[in-house]
């Protein structure tokens, strides 16, 4: 293999490749050996037809794509190392010659990390101002401590009022027409939170349990175009009213928090307030310096870098929402917005993050600062205890589940996500290791890069169903992906898929597991005892007891046999 390098713009390059005819033929032979079982040629047992017979039957190019897939990752990786290229996006491929017995010739164009011209980053000035802690600051911390330890208790002797939490059904109407996205059952809402359309929550206040009423609202002018500025009526029914019960600020409360009395707790609260002021001052100081650096630098940021930053911001939001029991899709629906609108809204923040990354990387390069992954790991390892799930085990147990349902024989595709880093790698490796060790007759026919979203699962599964006439099982790494994949399978009418995995523990997915009897469905998740183990670990550390710095929580498989143990009938959002 040989490669050459061309710089097209300041942030885009072209790599030209020539792979010898001999190496291309070796790749063709490998592609044949991996895929021969797919072909059923008259006169030959399935999987036993010679390569030349298959090529005569399907054409000489039948293995070209698979052979190219064998070659490309290797030669591309070697080329970016040889030419010191730092790609920031997927390459655009152009194949100029691919023929049996000839050199393979192709090129790729790819956006790379751009050239950065820094201003003066050494003579910067900024003030670090630490505000004094006031009585109001301490009082606010006290209320936050009480709020964290509050609980909702059911109200049965009065109607709902502001600051109560209500459980309601609602359906929205524009005239006589019920509009999309305006219906929910069992919705939890804190009255006065401002989460719903202006005027809605105030009109729910005063309703009693079991009461139904109409709530009249006018949508804001900046709402979605279909409803912006329109009058609407929501028909609601109240199922439950709860109020927040705040603990008393006394010695009993202090002792429950691990303090001798309320005075000791108040001192700790004051220390927390001081630390917050100091952290805010340090953050503002750093932001002032960073702003000076990024404002004086000159760089053309590739759109791909901004999109990658956007992906990271969206995934971070998804994680925060899931921790609160809400999926990203439900969040978008409740906000009457689209993924495109959300990305547009966050684009400026993503661009700023890209500028920051480029500036810091360039300063590190100029100053000879080289921080390895080992350095990062060592830093985080200081005084840190890690409780983690077994991602390798999730893949391994997923392999076991599929093997059992296929009785050790069949064709499997994997919906994976390379960008997920160790999560993807560990789960895929666990899956492959189980199959290799235990299931020689189960063939992994494709690894399809798919995001952890149901839209991606739907799209990529549809592509797989089109490409492969026989798919016995799907190894999916995430419940959201699996929901989309299942939709594609059902809509296609295909009945060959016998099993599908997932991961994460999504309540909506649990409901599908319980209700779908035609496909074997499971979700691999970290044990629900994980929280308890974390608390036990923390208590042991505080007591000064010797604690293993790393505790790996084993995998739990949820399917129809045990889904009732994990299904929360009161969970209406995730």
Protein backbone atom coordinates (compact mmCIF):
# COMPACT_ATOMS: atom_id res chain seq x y z
CA UNK A 1 0.00 0.00 0.00
CA UNK A 2 1.14 3.51 -0.74
CA UNK A 3 -0.49 6.84 0.08
CA UNK A 4 0.07 10.49 -0.76
CA UNK A 5 -1.10 13.65 0.96
CA UNK A 6 -2.67 16.84 -0.48
CA UNK A 7 -3.73 19.90 1.52
CA UNK A 8 -6.93 21.25 -0.06
CA UNK A 9 -7.72 24.05 2.43
CA UNK A 10 -6.55 25.05 5.88
CA UNK A 11 -8.82 22.42 7.40
CA UNK A 12 -9.37 19.85 4.66
CA UNK A 13 -6.96 17.32 3.16
CA UNK A 14 -6.98 14.61 0.53
CA UNK A 15 -5.32 11.22 0.93
CA UNK A 16 -4.66 9.14 -2.19
CA UNK A 17 -4.27 5.36 -1.88
CA UNK A 18 -2.93 2.60 -4.09
CA UNK A 19 -3.37 -0.97 -2.86
CA UNK A 20 -1.56 -3.61 -4.89
CA UNK A 21 -3.54 -6.14 -6.89
CA UNK A 22 -2.00 -8.89 -4.75
CA UNK A 23 -3.21 -7.32 -1.48
CA UNK A 24 -6.63 -6.66 -2.94
CA UNK A 25 -6.92 -10.32 -3.98
CA UNK A 26 -6.02 -11.40 -0.42
CA UNK A 27 -8.83 -9.18 0.85
CA UNK A 28 -11.21 -10.75 -1.68
CA UNK A 29 -10.25 -14.19 -0.40
CA UNK A 30 -10.93 -13.06 3.18
CA UNK A 31 -14.28 -11.58 2.17
CA UNK A 32 -15.22 -14.85 0.47
CA UNK A 33 -14.37 -16.94 3.55
CA UNK A 34 -16.39 -14.65 5.84
CA UNK A 35 -19.45 -14.46 3.62
CA UNK A 36 -19.62 -17.78 1.76
CA UNK A 37 -22.31 -19.09 4.12
CA UNK A 38 -24.68 -16.37 2.90
CA UNK A 39 -24.87 -17.89 -0.57
CA UNK A 40 -27.15 -20.73 -1.63
CA UNK A 41 -25.98 -21.91 -5.06
CA UNK A 42 -27.88 -24.73 -6.82
CA UNK A 43 -25.77 -27.90 -6.88
CA UNK A 44 -23.77 -26.98 -3.79
CA UNK A 45 -24.50 -27.30 -0.10
CA UNK A 46 -25.11 -23.95 1.54
CA UNK A 47 -21.78 -22.32 2.33
CA UNK A 48 -19.77 -24.75 0.19
CA UNK A 49 -19.85 -23.08 -3.23
CA UNK A 50 -16.38 -22.17 -4.62
CA UNK A 51 -15.55 -18.50 -4.94
CA UNK A 52 -15.41 -18.51 -8.74
CA UNK A 53 -18.86 -20.13 -8.92
CA UNK A 54 -20.36 -17.45 -6.70
CA UNK A 55 -18.66 -14.75 -8.79
CA UNK A 56 -20.07 -16.30 -11.99
CA UNK A 57 -23.55 -16.44 -10.45
CA UNK A 58 -23.63 -12.95 -8.87
CA UNK A 59 -21.01 -11.10 -10.88
CA UNK A 60 -17.25 -10.55 -10.39
CA UNK A 61 -17.87 -7.63 -8.00
CA UNK A 62 -19.91 -9.63 -5.48
CA UNK A 63 -17.13 -9.48 -2.84
CA UNK A 64 -15.71 -6.07 -3.72
CA UNK A 65 -17.52 -4.14 -0.97
CA UNK A 66 -16.61 -6.63 1.76
CA UNK A 67 -13.01 -6.75 0.55
CA UNK A 68 -12.82 -2.96 0.59
CA UNK A 69 -14.21 -2.97 4.15
CA UNK A 70 -11.35 -5.30 5.10
CA UNK A 71 -8.70 -3.04 3.59
CA UNK A 72 -9.91 0.48 4.31
CA UNK A 73 -9.68 0.70 8.14
CA UNK A 74 -6.11 -0.61 8.06
CA UNK A 75 -4.71 1.58 5.27
CA UNK A 76 -6.60 4.68 6.44
CA UNK A 77 -5.25 4.33 9.97
CA UNK A 78 -1.70 3.87 8.67
CA UNK A 79 -2.01 6.91 6.37
CA UNK A 80 -3.24 9.36 9.02
CA UNK A 81 -0.33 8.30 11.21
CA UNK A 82 2.21 8.56 8.38
CA UNK A 83 1.04 12.03 7.30
CA UNK A 84 0.25 13.31 10.84
CA UNK A 85 -3.37 13.95 9.97
CA UNK A 86 -5.91 14.67 12.74
CA UNK A 87 -9.39 13.99 11.26
CA UNK A 88 -12.38 15.69 12.89
CA UNK A 89 -15.04 14.02 10.76
CA UNK A 90 -15.75 10.89 8.75
CA UNK A 91 -13.84 10.77 5.43
CA UNK A 92 -15.54 11.27 2.05
CA UNK A 93 -14.61 8.32 -0.15
CA UNK A 94 -14.00 8.27 -3.90
CA UNK A 95 -13.05 4.95 -5.53
CA UNK A 96 -11.44 5.44 -8.95
CA UNK A 97 -10.43 1.84 -9.71
CA UNK A 98 -11.68 -1.41 -8.22
CA UNK A 99 -11.24 -4.45 -10.47
CA UNK A 100 -10.16 -8.04 -10.03
CA UNK A 101 -6.48 -8.49 -10.86
CA UNK A 102 -5.73 -4.74 -10.73
CA UNK A 103 -4.50 -2.29 -8.14
CA UNK A 104 -7.19 -0.81 -5.93
CA UNK A 105 -7.08 3.00 -6.28
CA UNK A 106 -9.14 5.38 -4.19
CA UNK A 107 -8.96 8.66 -2.31
CA UNK A 108 -10.58 10.27 0.69
CA UNK A 109 -11.21 13.88 1.59
CA UNK A 110 -11.52 14.64 5.27
CA UNK A 111 -11.80 17.67 7.50
CA UNK A 112 -8.86 17.96 9.88
CA UNK A 113 -7.98 19.98 12.92
CA UNK A 114 -7.41 23.48 11.52
CA UNK A 115 -4.39 25.73 11.87
CA UNK A 116 -4.68 28.03 14.88
CA UNK A 117 -3.05 31.45 15.14
CA UNK A 118 -2.92 32.57 18.76
CA UNK A 119 -2.64 36.09 20.05
CA UNK A 120 -0.68 36.92 23.21
CA UNK A 121 -1.72 34.23 25.68
CA UNK A 122 1.04 34.81 28.26
CA UNK A 123 0.41 38.40 29.34
CA UNK A 124 -3.23 38.23 30.32
CA UNK A 125 -4.90 40.15 33.13
CA UNK A 126 -8.02 39.31 35.11
CA UNK A 127 -9.34 39.96 38.60
CA UNK A 128 -10.37 37.22 41.00
CA UNK A 129 -13.14 38.63 43.16
CA UNK A 130 -14.59 36.48 45.95
CA UNK A 131 -17.92 37.83 47.20
CA UNK A 132 -18.63 37.75 50.91
CA UNK A 133 -21.10 35.21 52.24
CA UNK A 134 -24.27 36.94 53.39
CA UNK A 135 -27.05 35.80 55.71
CA UNK A 136 -29.22 35.38 52.59
CA UNK A 137 -26.62 33.00 51.11
CA UNK A 138 -26.66 30.89 54.27
CA UNK A 139 -30.46 30.90 54.39
CA UNK A 140 -30.59 29.78 50.78
CA UNK A 141 -28.23 26.88 51.55
CA UNK A 142 -30.38 25.96 54.56
CA UNK A 143 -33.49 25.85 52.37
CA UNK A 144 -31.68 23.76 49.77
CA UNK A 145 -30.66 21.29 52.48
CA UNK A 146 -34.26 21.08 53.71
CA UNK A 147 -35.54 20.76 50.15
CA UNK A 148 -33.14 17.88 49.39
CA UNK A 149 -34.57 16.03 52.37
CA UNK A 150 -38.21 16.86 51.70
CA UNK A 151 -40.83 14.43 50.48
CA UNK A 152 -44.22 14.61 48.85
CA UNK A 153 -47.17 13.48 50.97
CA UNK A 154 -50.67 12.88 49.67
CA UNK A 155 -53.33 15.55 50.17
CA UNK A 156 -56.91 14.32 50.63
CA UNK A 157 -58.67 17.11 52.52
CA UNK A 158 -58.48 20.04 50.09
CA UNK A 159 -58.20 21.05 46.43
CA UNK A 160 -54.83 21.62 44.77
CA UNK A 161 -53.00 24.89 45.25
CA UNK A 162 -49.81 26.45 43.95
CA UNK A 163 -46.63 24.58 45.00
CA UNK A 164 -48.57 21.29 45.16
CA UNK A 165 -47.71 18.45 42.81
CA UNK A 166 -50.64 17.03 40.87
CA UNK A 167 -51.03 13.87 38.80
CA UNK A 168 -53.26 14.66 35.85
CA UNK A 169 -54.51 13.48 32.47
CA UNK A 170 -54.92 16.16 29.82
CA UNK A 171 -55.94 16.49 26.19
CA UNK A 172 -55.49 19.71 24.18
CA UNK A 173 -57.96 20.98 21.58
CA UNK A 174 -57.68 23.68 18.93
CA UNK A 175 -61.37 24.25 18.38
CA UNK A 176 -62.84 20.82 17.78
CA UNK A 177 -59.48 19.33 16.74
CA UNK A 178 -57.23 17.53 19.21
CA UNK A 179 -53.67 18.59 18.36
CA UNK A 180 -50.55 16.40 18.35
CA UNK A 181 -48.29 16.53 21.39
CA UNK A 182 -51.01 17.93 23.63
CA UNK A 183 -52.10 14.71 25.32
CA UNK A 184 -50.71 12.91 28.36
CA UNK A 185 -51.84 10.50 31.06
CA UNK A 186 -50.53 10.41 34.60
CA UNK A 187 -48.46 13.59 34.10
CA UNK A 188 -46.76 14.86 37.25
CA UNK A 189 -46.77 18.67 37.49
CA UNK A 190 -45.72 21.06 40.26
CA UNK A 191 -48.18 23.95 40.12
CA UNK A 192 -46.35 27.24 39.86
CA UNK A 193 -43.19 25.70 38.36
CA UNK A 194 -43.80 27.41 35.02
CA UNK A 195 -43.22 24.19 33.08
CA UNK A 196 -46.52 24.42 31.20
CA UNK A 197 -48.08 27.11 29.02
CA UNK A 198 -48.68 30.41 30.86
CA UNK A 199 -52.00 30.31 32.69
CA UNK A 200 -52.34 26.51 32.65
CA UNK A 201 -51.01 25.75 36.12
CA UNK A 202 -52.92 28.60 37.77
CA UNK A 203 -56.20 27.20 36.42
CA UNK A 204 -55.45 23.69 37.65
CA UNK A 205 -55.06 25.14 41.14
CA UNK A 206 -58.39 24.79 42.94
CA UNK A 207 -59.25 21.41 41.37
CA UNK A 208 -59.94 18.47 43.68
CA UNK A 209 -59.02 14.80 43.23
CA UNK A 210 -61.35 13.23 40.68
CA UNK A 211 -62.41 16.60 39.30
CA UNK A 212 -62.45 17.31 35.56
CA UNK A 213 -62.30 20.79 34.13
CA UNK A 214 -61.42 22.75 31.00
CA UNK A 215 -58.35 24.98 31.07
CA UNK A 216 -58.31 27.80 28.51
CA UNK A 217 -54.91 29.11 27.37
CA UNK A 218 -53.31 31.13 24.60
CA UNK A 219 -50.08 29.77 23.16
CA UNK A 220 -47.12 32.20 23.16
CA UNK A 221 -46.27 33.82 19.85
CA UNK A 222 -42.80 32.18 19.91
CA UNK A 223 -44.37 28.69 20.12
CA UNK A 224 -44.32 26.14 17.30
CA UNK A 225 -45.82 27.67 14.12
CA UNK A 226 -48.89 25.39 14.10
CA UNK A 227 -50.03 26.67 17.52
CA UNK A 228 -48.25 30.03 18.00
CA UNK A 229 -50.64 32.72 19.25
CA UNK A 230 -53.68 30.40 19.08
CA UNK A 231 -56.31 29.87 21.75
CA UNK A 232 -56.67 26.31 23.02
CA UNK A 233 -58.59 24.30 25.58
CA UNK A 234 -57.10 21.51 27.67
CA UNK A 235 -59.50 19.03 29.24
CA UNK A 236 -57.92 17.80 32.47
CA UNK A 237 -58.65 15.25 35.16
CA UNK A 238 -56.89 15.28 38.55
CA UNK A 239 -55.89 11.87 39.93
CA UNK A 240 -53.75 12.81 42.92
CA UNK A 241 -52.55 15.83 44.89
CA UNK A 242 -49.37 15.83 46.94
CA UNK A 243 -47.56 18.54 48.85
CA UNK A 244 -43.93 18.95 49.69
CA UNK A 245 -43.28 18.25 53.39
CA UNK A 246 -40.17 20.11 54.59
CA UNK A 247 -38.25 18.80 57.61
CA UNK A 248 -37.84 21.05 60.63
CA UNK A 249 -34.47 22.76 61.03
CA UNK A 250 -33.62 21.30 64.43
CA UNK A 251 -31.19 19.00 66.25
CA UNK A 252 -33.05 15.87 65.11
CA UNK A 253 -32.67 16.91 61.48
CA UNK A 254 -28.97 17.71 62.05
CA UNK A 255 -28.30 14.31 63.59
CA UNK A 256 -29.97 12.58 60.63
CA UNK A 257 -27.44 14.41 58.44
CA UNK A 258 -24.54 13.14 60.57
CA UNK A 259 -23.94 16.26 62.74
CA UNK A 260 -23.98 16.64 66.53
CA UNK A 261 -26.57 19.40 66.55
CA UNK A 262 -28.09 22.15 64.41
CA UNK A 263 -25.25 24.56 65.22
CA UNK A 264 -22.68 22.14 63.75
CA UNK A 265 -24.90 21.68 60.70
CA UNK A 266 -25.19 25.45 60.23
CA UNK A 267 -21.38 25.81 60.36
CA UNK A 268 -21.11 23.15 57.65
CA UNK A 269 -23.71 25.00 55.61
CA UNK A 270 -21.72 28.23 55.95
CA UNK A 271 -18.57 26.43 54.80
CA UNK A 272 -20.48 25.14 51.78
CA UNK A 273 -21.62 28.67 50.96
CA UNK A 274 -18.04 29.96 51.24
CA UNK A 275 -16.75 27.19 48.99
CA UNK A 276 -19.41 28.03 46.40
CA UNK A 277 -18.37 31.68 46.38
CA UNK A 278 -14.74 30.68 45.97
CA UNK A 279 -15.58 28.24 43.17
CA UNK A 280 -17.66 30.87 41.39
CA UNK A 281 -14.80 33.38 41.64
CA UNK A 282 -12.28 30.84 40.33
CA UNK A 283 -14.58 29.92 37.46
CA UNK A 284 -15.15 33.57 36.53
CA UNK A 285 -11.40 34.23 36.70
CA UNK A 286 -10.65 31.28 34.39
CA UNK A 287 -13.46 32.27 32.01
CA UNK A 288 -12.06 35.82 31.73
CA UNK A 289 -8.64 34.46 30.77
CA UNK A 290 -10.08 31.95 28.30
CA UNK A 291 -12.25 34.65 26.72
CA UNK A 292 -9.18 36.78 26.08
CA UNK A 293 -7.41 33.86 24.42
CA UNK A 294 -10.32 32.82 22.19
CA UNK A 295 -11.19 36.39 21.20
CA UNK A 296 -7.66 37.10 19.94
CA UNK A 297 -7.10 33.79 18.11
CA UNK A 298 -7.61 33.34 14.39
CA UNK A 299 -9.04 30.05 13.17
CA UNK A 300 -11.56 28.64 10.71
CA UNK A 301 -13.55 26.00 12.58
CA UNK A 302 -14.78 23.09 10.43
CA UNK A 303 -18.51 22.56 10.61
CA UNK A 304 -17.77 18.94 11.53
CA UNK A 305 -16.10 20.03 14.79
CA UNK A 306 -19.15 22.05 15.76
CA UNK A 307 -21.43 19.12 14.94
CA UNK A 308 -19.27 16.80 17.07
CA UNK A 309 -19.51 19.25 19.97
CA UNK A 310 -23.27 19.39 19.44
CA UNK A 311 -23.42 15.59 19.61
CA UNK A 312 -21.61 15.74 22.93
CA UNK A 313 -23.96 18.40 24.33
CA UNK A 314 -27.04 16.44 23.22
CA UNK A 315 -25.71 13.22 24.76
CA UNK A 316 -24.96 15.09 27.99
CA UNK A 317 -28.53 16.41 28.03
CA UNK A 318 -29.85 12.90 27.33
CA UNK A 319 -27.93 11.58 30.34
CA UNK A 320 -29.27 14.32 32.64
CA UNK A 321 -32.82 13.65 31.48
CA UNK A 322 -32.55 9.88 31.91
CA UNK A 323 -31.33 10.43 35.47
CA UNK A 324 -34.64 12.25 36.03
CA UNK A 325 -36.68 9.51 34.37
CA UNK A 326 -37.34 11.38 31.12
CA UNK A 327 -36.21 10.40 27.63
CA UNK A 328 -34.89 13.02 25.22
CA UNK A 329 -37.76 12.30 22.84
CA UNK A 330 -40.30 12.99 25.58
CA UNK A 331 -38.44 16.17 26.53
CA UNK A 332 -38.69 17.40 22.93
CA UNK A 333 -42.37 16.52 22.78
CA UNK A 334 -43.15 18.30 26.04
CA UNK A 335 -41.30 21.38 24.80
CA UNK A 336 -42.99 21.21 21.38
CA UNK A 337 -39.63 21.39 19.66
CA UNK A 338 -37.61 19.26 17.27
CA UNK A 339 -34.11 17.85 17.40
CA UNK A 340 -33.11 20.28 14.64
CA UNK A 341 -34.39 23.24 16.65
CA UNK A 342 -32.61 22.00 19.76
CA UNK A 343 -29.33 21.67 17.86
CA UNK A 344 -29.75 25.13 16.31
CA UNK A 345 -30.33 26.59 19.77
CA UNK A 346 -27.13 24.99 21.11
CA UNK A 347 -24.98 25.65 18.04
CA UNK A 348 -23.37 28.84 19.41
CA UNK A 349 -22.43 27.04 22.61
CA UNK A 350 -20.96 24.17 20.57
CA UNK A 351 -18.91 26.58 18.45
CA UNK A 352 -17.54 28.23 21.61
CA UNK A 353 -16.60 24.81 22.97
CA UNK A 354 -14.78 24.00 19.71
CA UNK A 355 -12.84 27.30 19.88
CA UNK A 356 -11.88 26.53 23.49
CA UNK A 357 -10.66 23.03 22.58
CA UNK A 358 -8.57 24.34 19.68
CA UNK A 359 -7.05 27.13 21.79
CA UNK A 360 -6.09 24.86 24.68
CA UNK A 361 -4.67 22.22 22.34
CA UNK A 362 -2.53 24.79 20.53
CA UNK A 363 -1.22 26.27 23.80
CA UNK A 364 -0.34 22.78 25.03
CA UNK A 365 1.49 22.10 21.74
CA UNK A 366 3.49 25.35 21.93
CA UNK A 367 4.40 24.85 25.59
CA UNK A 368 5.36 21.20 25.14
CA UNK A 369 2.62 19.99 27.47
CA UNK A 370 1.87 16.34 26.76
CA UNK A 371 -0.74 14.71 28.96
CA UNK A 372 -1.20 11.00 28.36
CA UNK A 373 -4.25 8.91 29.17
CA UNK A 374 -2.20 7.33 31.93
CA UNK A 375 -1.62 10.79 33.45
CA UNK A 376 -5.35 11.48 33.38
CA UNK A 377 -6.18 8.10 34.88
CA UNK A 378 -3.61 8.61 37.63
CA UNK A 379 -5.03 12.05 38.46
CA UNK A 380 -8.55 10.75 38.73
CA UNK A 381 -7.38 7.76 40.72
CA UNK A 382 -6.12 9.99 43.56
CA UNK A 383 -8.47 9.66 46.52
CA UNK A 384 -11.15 8.30 44.24
CA UNK A 385 -13.33 5.24 44.61
CA UNK A 386 -15.01 3.86 41.53
CA UNK A 387 -18.32 2.02 41.40
CA UNK A 388 -19.04 0.97 37.85
CA UNK A 389 -21.19 -1.34 35.81
CA UNK A 390 -19.78 -4.30 33.92
CA UNK A 391 -20.07 -3.27 30.27
CA UNK A 392 -18.08 -6.30 29.15
CA UNK A 393 -20.48 -8.46 31.13
CA UNK A 394 -23.47 -6.77 29.48
CA UNK A 395 -22.13 -7.88 26.10
CA UNK A 396 -21.21 -11.35 27.36
CA UNK A 397 -24.64 -11.95 28.87
CA UNK A 398 -26.28 -10.53 25.74
CA UNK A 399 -24.37 -13.14 23.75
CA UNK A 400 -25.54 -15.86 26.11
CA UNK A 401 -29.16 -14.70 25.77
CA UNK A 402 -29.05 -14.72 21.97
CA UNK A 403 -27.30 -18.09 21.91
CA UNK A 404 -30.00 -19.63 24.10
CA UNK A 405 -32.85 -18.26 22.00
CA UNK A 406 -31.21 -19.34 18.72
CA UNK A 407 -30.19 -22.71 20.19
CA UNK A 408 -26.60 -22.02 19.17
CA UNK A 409 -27.16 -21.48 15.44
CA UNK A 410 -28.02 -18.46 13.28
CA UNK A 411 -27.07 -15.11 11.77
CA UNK A 412 -26.73 -12.02 13.94
CA UNK A 413 -26.24 -8.32 13.29
CA UNK A 414 -24.92 -5.83 15.84
CA UNK A 415 -26.21 -2.26 16.19
CA UNK A 416 -23.25 -0.60 17.85
CA UNK A 417 -21.92 2.91 18.38
CA UNK A 418 -18.18 3.40 17.82
CA UNK A 419 -18.32 6.93 19.23
CA UNK A 420 -19.42 5.52 22.59
CA UNK A 421 -15.78 4.60 23.27
CA UNK A 422 -15.16 2.03 25.96
CA UNK A 423 -18.88 1.36 26.41
CA UNK A 424 -19.20 0.16 22.82
CA UNK A 425 -15.85 -1.61 22.77
CA UNK A 426 -16.39 -3.45 26.05
CA UNK A 427 -19.94 -4.58 25.25
CA UNK A 428 -19.00 -5.68 21.73
CA UNK A 429 -15.93 -7.55 22.97
CA UNK A 430 -17.96 -9.35 25.64
CA UNK A 431 -20.52 -10.34 23.02
CA UNK A 432 -17.90 -11.59 20.55
CA UNK A 433 -15.99 -13.47 23.24
CA UNK A 434 -19.09 -15.38 24.29
CA UNK A 435 -19.92 -16.37 20.72
CA UNK A 436 -16.33 -17.34 19.93
CA UNK A 437 -16.03 -19.52 23.02
CA UNK A 438 -19.44 -21.14 22.90
CA UNK A 439 -21.21 -20.72 19.56
CA UNK A 440 -19.21 -21.59 16.44
CA UNK A 441 -22.45 -21.85 14.43
CA UNK A 442 -23.63 -18.32 15.22
CA UNK A 443 -22.33 -15.88 12.62
CA UNK A 444 -21.99 -12.15 13.23
CA UNK A 445 -22.76 -11.00 9.69
CA UNK A 446 -22.63 -7.23 10.21
CA UNK A 447 -21.63 -4.53 12.71
CA UNK A 448 -23.70 -1.45 11.92
CA UNK A 449 -22.75 1.91 13.45
CA UNK A 450 -25.91 3.21 15.11
CA UNK A 451 -26.58 5.93 17.66
CA UNK A 452 -28.32 5.36 21.01
CA UNK A 453 -31.63 6.75 19.72
CA UNK A 454 -34.80 5.08 18.48
CA UNK A 455 -34.62 7.13 15.25
CA UNK A 456 -31.19 5.64 14.53
CA UNK A 457 -32.42 2.16 15.46
CA UNK A 458 -35.36 2.49 13.07
CA UNK A 459 -33.23 3.79 10.19
CA UNK A 460 -30.32 1.36 10.61
CA UNK A 461 -32.52 -1.68 11.17
CA UNK A 462 -34.49 -0.85 8.03
CA UNK A 463 -31.18 -0.73 6.13
CA UNK A 464 -30.15 -4.09 7.60
CA UNK A 465 -33.47 -5.70 6.72
CA UNK A 466 -33.01 -4.52 3.14
CA UNK A 467 -29.40 -5.72 2.94
CA UNK A 468 -29.81 -9.14 4.57
CA UNK A 469 -32.51 -11.63 3.68
CA UNK A 470 -31.90 -13.65 6.84
CA UNK A 471 -31.38 -12.14 10.30
CA UNK A 472 -32.00 -14.40 13.25
CA UNK A 473 -31.10 -11.99 16.05
CA UNK A 474 -30.02 -8.40 16.76
CA UNK A 475 -27.39 -7.51 19.34
CA UNK A 476 -28.22 -3.93 20.32
CA UNK A 477 -26.30 -2.02 22.96
CA UNK A 478 -29.08 0.33 24.09
CA UNK A 479 -32.81 0.17 24.81
CA UNK A 480 -33.57 3.30 22.77
CA UNK A 481 -31.85 1.80 19.72
CA UNK A 482 -33.77 -1.42 20.25
CA UNK A 483 -37.16 0.35 20.39
CA UNK A 484 -36.50 1.78 16.93
CA UNK A 485 -35.17 -1.55 15.62
CA UNK A 486 -38.27 -3.37 16.86
CA UNK A 487 -40.47 -0.84 15.09
CA UNK A 488 -38.61 -1.51 11.84
CA UNK A 489 -38.98 -5.28 12.26
CA UNK A 490 -42.71 -5.07 12.98
CA UNK A 491 -43.40 -2.64 10.12
CA UNK A 492 -41.43 -4.80 7.66
CA UNK A 493 -43.51 -7.89 8.43
CA UNK A 494 -40.31 -9.95 8.79
CA UNK A 495 -40.66 -13.00 11.01
CA UNK A 496 -37.10 -14.34 10.88
CA UNK A 497 -35.80 -12.18 13.76
CA UNK A 498 -36.13 -14.33 16.87
CA UNK A 499 -34.29 -12.28 19.49
CA UNK A 500 -33.06 -8.76 20.22
CA UNK A 501 -31.08 -7.36 23.14
CA UNK A 502 -30.94 -3.90 24.64
CA UNK A 503 -29.23 -2.09 27.47
CA UNK A 504 -29.92 0.50 30.13
CA UNK A 505 -33.28 -0.30 31.68
CA UNK A 506 -35.88 1.92 29.93
CA UNK A 507 -39.40 1.57 31.36
CA UNK A 508 -40.98 1.92 27.90
CA UNK A 509 -38.75 -0.91 26.69
CA UNK A 510 -39.80 -3.02 29.69
CA UNK A 511 -43.42 -2.58 28.59
CA UNK A 512 -42.50 -3.79 25.10
CA UNK A 513 -40.71 -6.81 26.61
CA UNK A 514 -43.86 -7.68 28.54
CA UNK A 515 -46.26 -7.14 25.64
CA UNK A 516 -44.38 -8.61 22.64
CA UNK A 517 -44.61 -12.40 22.56
CA UNK A 518 -43.41 -12.96 18.99
CA UNK A 519 -39.76 -11.94 19.58
CA UNK A 520 -37.49 -12.78 22.51
CA UNK A 521 -36.52 -9.37 23.94
CA UNK A 522 -34.15 -8.56 26.78
CA UNK A 523 -32.38 -5.60 28.34
CA UNK A 524 -28.97 -5.88 29.98
CA UNK A 525 -28.56 -3.49 32.88
CA UNK A 526 -26.45 -2.80 35.88
CA UNK A 527 -27.87 -4.36 39.00
CA UNK A 528 -30.56 -2.28 40.77
CA UNK A 529 -28.49 -2.86 43.93
CA UNK A 530 -25.88 -0.48 42.49
CA UNK A 531 -27.12 2.49 44.52
CA UNK A 532 -27.10 0.48 47.74
CA UNK A 533 -23.56 -0.70 47.01
CA UNK A 534 -22.48 2.91 46.42
CA UNK A 535 -23.94 3.99 49.76
CA UNK A 536 -22.27 1.07 51.55
CA UNK A 537 -18.95 1.97 49.93
CA UNK A 538 -19.28 5.62 50.97
CA UNK A 539 -20.15 4.68 54.56
CA UNK A 540 -17.14 2.36 54.78
CA UNK A 541 -14.82 5.11 53.47
CA UNK A 542 -16.17 7.59 56.00
CA UNK A 543 -15.59 5.07 58.80
CA UNK A 544 -11.96 4.72 57.72
CA UNK A 545 -12.41 1.08 56.73
CA UNK A 546 -10.31 -0.47 53.98
CA UNK A 547 -12.26 -0.34 50.72
CA UNK A 548 -11.42 -1.75 47.32
CA UNK A 549 -11.00 1.40 45.14
CA UNK A 550 -12.84 -0.27 42.25
CA UNK A 551 -16.10 -2.21 42.57
CA UNK A 552 -17.67 -3.65 39.41
CA UNK A 553 -21.41 -4.34 39.57
CA UNK A 554 -22.47 -7.47 37.65
CA UNK A 555 -25.00 -7.48 34.82
CA UNK A 556 -28.69 -8.25 35.22
CA UNK A 557 -30.71 -9.59 32.26
CA UNK A 558 -34.37 -8.56 32.14
CA UNK A 559 -36.76 -10.44 29.83
CA UNK A 560 -40.34 -11.73 29.94
CA UNK A 561 -39.46 -14.14 32.75
CA UNK A 562 -38.64 -11.38 35.25
CA UNK A 563 -39.74 -8.05 33.72
CA UNK A 564 -42.53 -7.61 36.28
CA UNK A 565 -39.86 -7.23 38.97
CA UNK A 566 -38.45 -4.17 37.17
CA UNK A 567 -41.55 -2.66 35.55
CA UNK A 568 -42.83 0.40 37.39
CA UNK A 569 -46.53 0.84 36.49
CA UNK A 570 -46.47 4.38 37.89
CA UNK A 571 -43.65 5.50 35.59
CA UNK A 572 -45.30 7.34 32.71
CA UNK A 573 -42.34 9.20 31.26
CA UNK A 574 -39.44 6.80 30.75
